[in-house]
């Protein structure tokens, strides 16, 4: 079996600290071959920096995915062009020119089990999101390329607003990929399942960040926005963080998922850890 531990959207410092505490806590139970983190909000709620990416890699993270906030930091384009362990959405428009830095797909090699490979794709939805290329067509095209290379174990992070779009993509690729996990809403759903043809799925993994918040931001700022409709500057909430994650178990010979387990926990403030 192959085991993948995946953490949902990391929001600010509380989210980064929560992941740092969660990885060693979950390791004995999950025994993951791969650890993947969606960190598109890791830098004070907006994008990711090179320094923060290295922090995750030092924790044992194998790959970082992102989403619509991928480009929020001034260094983003250079970072995505240089760091192969960092994914931006795959379905940016295809052109003859190399206009969008980075990549949306990676093939991971297991550090401790030679010969074990995992294909990972990051796709972004189009409902209430930027109008990128169709994630269904682009996703199927790239997944076919992976399968032509003999890679059966395929993990998809589908970064989307609409639950219907994420669920539709899951059934569109049922049996063709090992897992489709949803990100972006920051609210974990309780619908983890194995689809009829062997794809592990959850509509949204949830966030890693301060749970005493409005999807990671300070409550009073978000409330003011809804009350007044005036422009506001969102700030990450402060306080102890929590994490949303899933562990997916895959039959390495067939690429079919055999188990998906969901985690959601608020971590306590430990000595020496400042949120």
Protein backbone atom coordinates (compact mmCIF):
# COMPACT_ATOMS: atom_id res chain seq x y z
CA UNK A 1 0.00 0.00 0.00
CA UNK A 2 0.94 3.64 -0.57
CA UNK A 3 -0.15 6.16 2.05
CA UNK A 4 -0.51 9.89 1.32
CA UNK A 5 -0.99 12.44 4.10
CA UNK A 6 -2.51 15.67 2.77
CA UNK A 7 -3.07 18.93 4.68
CA UNK A 8 -5.66 21.47 3.52
CA UNK A 9 -5.09 25.19 2.93
CA UNK A 10 -2.53 26.56 5.39
CA UNK A 11 -3.53 30.05 6.55
CA UNK A 12 -0.85 32.22 8.12
CA UNK A 13 1.42 31.49 11.06
CA UNK A 14 -1.20 29.59 13.12
CA UNK A 15 -1.65 27.20 10.20
CA UNK A 16 2.08 26.71 9.73
CA UNK A 17 2.54 25.96 13.42
CA UNK A 18 -0.41 23.56 13.40
CA UNK A 19 1.12 21.56 10.53
CA UNK A 20 4.48 21.54 12.31
CA UNK A 21 2.83 19.98 15.37
CA UNK A 22 0.50 17.69 13.42
CA UNK A 23 3.09 15.90 11.27
CA UNK A 24 4.97 14.17 14.12
CA UNK A 25 1.68 13.48 15.89
CA UNK A 26 0.10 11.77 12.85
CA UNK A 27 3.23 9.94 11.65
CA UNK A 28 2.85 6.82 13.85
CA UNK A 29 -0.78 6.35 12.86
CA UNK A 30 -0.59 7.28 9.18
CA UNK A 31 2.96 6.12 8.35
CA UNK A 32 2.84 8.19 5.14
CA UNK A 33 5.01 7.54 2.12
CA UNK A 34 4.25 11.07 0.90
CA UNK A 35 3.26 14.30 2.65
CA UNK A 36 1.58 17.03 0.60
CA UNK A 37 0.46 20.44 1.87
CA UNK A 38 -1.69 23.08 0.20
CA UNK A 39 0.03 26.31 1.31
CA UNK A 40 -1.46 29.00 -0.92
CA UNK A 41 -2.32 31.19 2.13
CA UNK A 42 0.74 30.37 4.22
CA UNK A 43 2.39 33.82 4.00
CA UNK A 44 0.14 35.93 6.24
CA UNK A 45 -2.87 34.66 4.33
CA UNK A 46 -1.57 35.58 0.89
CA UNK A 47 0.58 33.23 -1.18
CA UNK A 48 3.81 31.56 -0.14
CA UNK A 49 7.41 32.72 0.14
CA UNK A 50 10.64 30.82 -0.49
CA UNK A 51 11.44 30.95 3.23
CA UNK A 52 8.09 29.43 4.18
CA UNK A 53 8.39 26.76 1.49
CA UNK A 54 11.73 25.70 2.98
CA UNK A 55 10.12 25.53 6.42
CA UNK A 56 7.63 23.00 5.08
CA UNK A 57 10.32 20.95 3.35
CA UNK A 58 12.28 20.89 6.61
CA UNK A 59 9.17 19.41 8.28
CA UNK A 60 9.30 16.49 5.83
CA UNK A 61 6.79 17.78 3.27
CA UNK A 62 7.40 16.30 -0.19
CA UNK A 63 5.26 18.65 -2.29
CA UNK A 64 3.39 21.94 -1.89
CA UNK A 65 0.24 22.78 -3.83
CA UNK A 66 -1.40 26.20 -4.07
CA UNK A 67 -4.37 27.76 -5.88
CA UNK A 68 -5.79 31.16 -6.80
CA UNK A 69 -3.45 32.95 -4.35
CA UNK A 70 -0.34 31.43 -5.90
CA UNK A 71 0.93 34.75 -7.26
CA UNK A 72 0.26 37.01 -4.26
CA UNK A 73 3.88 37.43 -3.15
CA UNK A 74 6.35 39.67 -5.08
CA UNK A 75 8.74 36.74 -5.47
CA UNK A 76 6.06 34.30 -6.64
CA UNK A 77 6.90 34.04 -10.32
CA UNK A 78 10.61 33.45 -9.66
CA UNK A 79 9.82 30.95 -6.91
CA UNK A 80 7.47 28.88 -9.06
CA UNK A 81 9.94 28.90 -11.95
CA UNK A 82 12.77 27.58 -9.76
CA UNK A 83 11.17 25.29 -7.15
CA UNK A 84 10.13 21.94 -8.61
CA UNK A 85 8.46 20.84 -5.37
CA UNK A 86 5.87 23.61 -5.67
CA UNK A 87 2.79 23.41 -7.90
CA UNK A 88 0.55 26.14 -9.31
CA UNK A 89 -2.75 25.25 -11.01
CA UNK A 90 -2.19 23.11 -14.09
CA UNK A 91 -5.01 24.55 -16.18
CA UNK A 92 -3.64 28.00 -16.96
CA UNK A 93 -4.09 28.68 -20.69
CA UNK A 94 -1.72 26.76 -22.93
CA UNK A 95 0.28 28.95 -25.32
CA UNK A 96 3.22 28.53 -27.65
CA UNK A 97 5.14 30.86 -25.36
CA UNK A 98 6.24 29.89 -21.87
CA UNK A 99 4.25 32.69 -20.23
CA UNK A 100 3.15 31.03 -16.97
CA UNK A 101 6.07 30.00 -14.75
CA UNK A 102 6.08 26.77 -12.83
CA UNK A 103 4.14 23.58 -13.36
CA UNK A 104 0.88 21.98 -12.30
CA UNK A 105 1.92 18.34 -12.19
CA UNK A 106 4.69 16.41 -10.46
CA UNK A 107 5.87 12.82 -10.23
CA UNK A 108 7.09 12.03 -6.72
CA UNK A 109 9.59 9.30 -5.91
CA UNK A 110 9.21 7.70 -2.49
CA UNK A 111 12.29 8.42 -0.35
CA UNK A 112 12.12 5.21 1.66
CA UNK A 113 10.69 2.80 -0.91
CA UNK A 114 12.59 2.87 -4.22
CA UNK A 115 10.43 2.45 -7.28
CA UNK A 116 7.24 3.78 -5.70
CA UNK A 117 5.96 6.77 -7.68
CA UNK A 118 3.00 9.07 -7.23
CA UNK A 119 1.64 11.44 -9.84
CA UNK A 120 0.18 14.64 -8.39
CA UNK A 121 -1.96 17.22 -10.22
CA UNK A 122 -3.26 20.58 -9.06
CA UNK A 123 -6.36 21.78 -10.90
CA UNK A 124 -8.41 24.91 -10.27
CA UNK A 125 -12.15 25.12 -10.73
CA UNK A 126 -13.90 27.79 -12.81
CA UNK A 127 -17.18 28.29 -10.92
CA UNK A 128 -16.87 31.61 -9.01
CA UNK A 129 -13.14 31.50 -9.79
CA UNK A 130 -10.79 32.85 -12.49
CA UNK A 131 -11.82 31.55 -15.95
CA UNK A 132 -8.89 29.25 -16.61
CA UNK A 133 -8.92 26.38 -19.12
CA UNK A 134 -11.44 23.63 -18.41
CA UNK A 135 -10.10 21.52 -15.53
CA UNK A 136 -12.07 18.51 -16.77
CA UNK A 137 -10.48 18.46 -20.25
CA UNK A 138 -6.99 19.50 -19.11
CA UNK A 139 -7.08 17.12 -16.18
CA UNK A 140 -8.11 14.15 -18.28
CA UNK A 141 -5.43 14.96 -20.85
CA UNK A 142 -2.60 15.10 -18.29
CA UNK A 143 -3.85 12.07 -16.38
CA UNK A 144 -3.80 10.09 -19.63
CA UNK A 145 -0.13 11.08 -20.07
CA UNK A 146 0.69 9.80 -16.60
CA UNK A 147 -1.06 6.51 -17.23
CA UNK A 148 0.79 6.14 -20.54
CA UNK A 149 4.01 6.35 -18.49
CA UNK A 150 2.79 3.46 -16.35
CA UNK A 151 1.87 5.62 -13.36
CA UNK A 152 -1.34 4.27 -11.84
CA UNK A 153 -1.13 6.04 -8.50
CA UNK A 154 -2.46 9.55 -9.17
CA UNK A 155 -3.47 12.15 -6.57
CA UNK A 156 -5.45 15.28 -7.51
CA UNK A 157 -5.85 18.49 -5.50
CA UNK A 158 -8.94 20.19 -6.99
CA UNK A 159 -8.95 23.80 -5.81
CA UNK A 160 -12.48 25.08 -6.26
CA UNK A 161 -15.28 27.15 -4.77
CA UNK A 162 -18.29 25.08 -5.81
CA UNK A 163 -18.91 21.73 -4.13
CA UNK A 164 -20.81 20.59 -7.22
CA UNK A 165 -17.80 21.18 -9.49
CA UNK A 166 -15.46 19.29 -7.19
CA UNK A 167 -17.85 16.38 -6.85
CA UNK A 168 -18.57 16.30 -10.59
CA UNK A 169 -14.84 16.12 -11.36
CA UNK A 170 -14.46 13.27 -8.87
CA UNK A 171 -17.07 11.16 -10.66
CA UNK A 172 -15.78 12.25 -14.08
CA UNK A 173 -12.41 10.68 -13.13
CA UNK A 174 -13.80 7.81 -11.04
CA UNK A 175 -11.40 4.90 -11.33
CA UNK A 176 -8.91 6.87 -13.44
CA UNK A 177 -7.20 8.48 -10.43
CA UNK A 178 -6.49 7.28 -6.92
CA UNK A 179 -7.80 10.36 -5.11
CA UNK A 180 -9.49 13.71 -5.64
CA UNK A 181 -9.32 15.99 -2.61
CA UNK A 182 -10.98 19.40 -2.63
CA UNK A 183 -9.40 22.57 -1.30
CA UNK A 184 -10.16 26.33 -1.19
CA UNK A 185 -13.31 26.67 0.95
CA UNK A 186 -11.36 26.29 4.25
CA UNK A 187 -14.35 24.42 5.71
CA UNK A 188 -13.92 20.68 6.05
CA UNK A 189 -16.70 18.47 4.68
CA UNK A 190 -17.72 15.17 6.25
CA UNK A 191 -18.20 13.26 2.99
CA UNK A 192 -14.97 11.29 2.70
CA UNK A 193 -15.63 8.18 0.63
CA UNK A 194 -14.38 5.67 -1.91
CA UNK A 195 -16.27 6.01 -5.19
CA UNK A 196 -17.62 2.92 -7.02
CA UNK A 197 -14.51 2.47 -9.18
CA UNK A 198 -11.92 3.08 -6.48
CA UNK A 199 -11.21 6.81 -6.17
CA UNK A 200 -10.84 8.30 -2.68
CA UNK A 201 -12.66 11.61 -2.41
CA UNK A 202 -13.59 14.46 -0.10
CA UNK A 203 -15.25 17.69 -1.22
CA UNK A 204 -13.00 19.84 0.99
CA UNK A 205 -10.17 18.91 3.32
CA UNK A 206 -10.57 22.14 5.32
CA UNK A 207 -7.88 24.55 6.46
CA UNK A 208 -4.91 24.64 8.76
CA UNK A 209 -5.15 27.87 10.71
CA UNK A 210 -6.92 29.57 13.60
CA UNK A 211 -10.34 27.93 13.92
CA UNK A 212 -11.65 30.87 16.00
CA UNK A 213 -11.97 32.92 12.82
CA UNK A 214 -13.87 33.37 9.58
CA UNK A 215 -12.04 30.97 7.24
CA UNK A 216 -8.74 32.05 8.80
CA UNK A 217 -9.28 35.81 8.99
CA UNK A 218 -10.08 37.97 12.01
CA UNK A 219 -13.80 37.72 12.75
CA UNK A 220 -14.41 41.44 13.27
CA UNK A 221 -12.89 42.35 9.91
CA UNK A 222 -14.98 39.80 8.04
CA UNK A 223 -18.15 40.87 9.86
CA UNK A 224 -17.45 44.51 8.99
CA UNK A 225 -17.12 43.56 5.33
CA UNK A 226 -20.52 41.86 5.31
CA UNK A 227 -22.20 44.65 7.28
CA UNK A 228 -20.86 47.61 5.31
CA UNK A 229 -19.72 46.26 1.91
CA UNK A 230 -16.81 48.69 2.29
CA UNK A 231 -13.24 47.69 1.31
CA UNK A 232 -11.31 46.08 4.16
CA UNK A 233 -7.84 44.65 4.57
CA UNK A 234 -8.15 41.06 5.73
CA UNK A 235 -5.74 39.93 8.46
CA UNK A 236 -5.08 36.38 9.66
CA UNK A 237 -6.71 35.56 12.99
CA UNK A 238 -4.35 35.10 15.92
CA UNK A 239 -4.35 32.30 18.48
CA UNK A 240 -3.83 28.54 18.59
CA UNK A 241 -4.17 26.86 15.24
CA UNK A 242 -5.81 23.68 14.10
CA UNK A 243 -5.45 21.42 11.10
CA UNK A 244 -7.63 19.71 8.54
CA UNK A 245 -6.08 16.72 6.78
CA UNK A 246 -6.76 13.38 5.16
CA UNK A 247 -4.80 10.18 4.82
CA UNK A 248 -5.39 8.20 1.64
CA UNK A 249 -4.30 4.58 1.27
CA UNK A 250 -3.73 3.30 -2.27
CA UNK A 251 -3.12 -0.20 -3.64
CA UNK A 252 0.18 0.38 -5.44
CA UNK A 253 -0.46 -2.38 -7.98
CA UNK A 254 -3.90 -1.18 -9.13
CA UNK A 255 -3.89 2.52 -8.26
CA UNK A 256 -7.24 2.07 -6.53
CA UNK A 257 -7.86 3.68 -3.15
CA UNK A 258 -8.64 1.34 -0.28
CA UNK A 259 -9.11 3.88 2.52
CA UNK A 260 -9.55 7.58 3.24
CA UNK A 261 -9.40 8.92 6.78
CA UNK A 262 -10.25 12.49 7.79
CA UNK A 263 -8.62 14.51 10.58
CA UNK A 264 -9.64 17.82 12.16
CA UNK A 265 -8.14 18.95 15.43
CA UNK A 266 -7.31 22.19 17.20
CA UNK A 267 -3.84 21.97 18.69
CA UNK A 268 -3.18 23.35 22.15
CA UNK A 269 -0.58 25.97 22.88
CA UNK A 270 2.54 24.08 23.83
CA UNK A 271 5.58 25.34 25.69
CA UNK A 272 8.00 26.96 23.29
CA UNK A 273 5.42 27.31 20.50
CA UNK A 274 4.07 30.80 19.87
CA UNK A 275 1.10 31.24 17.55
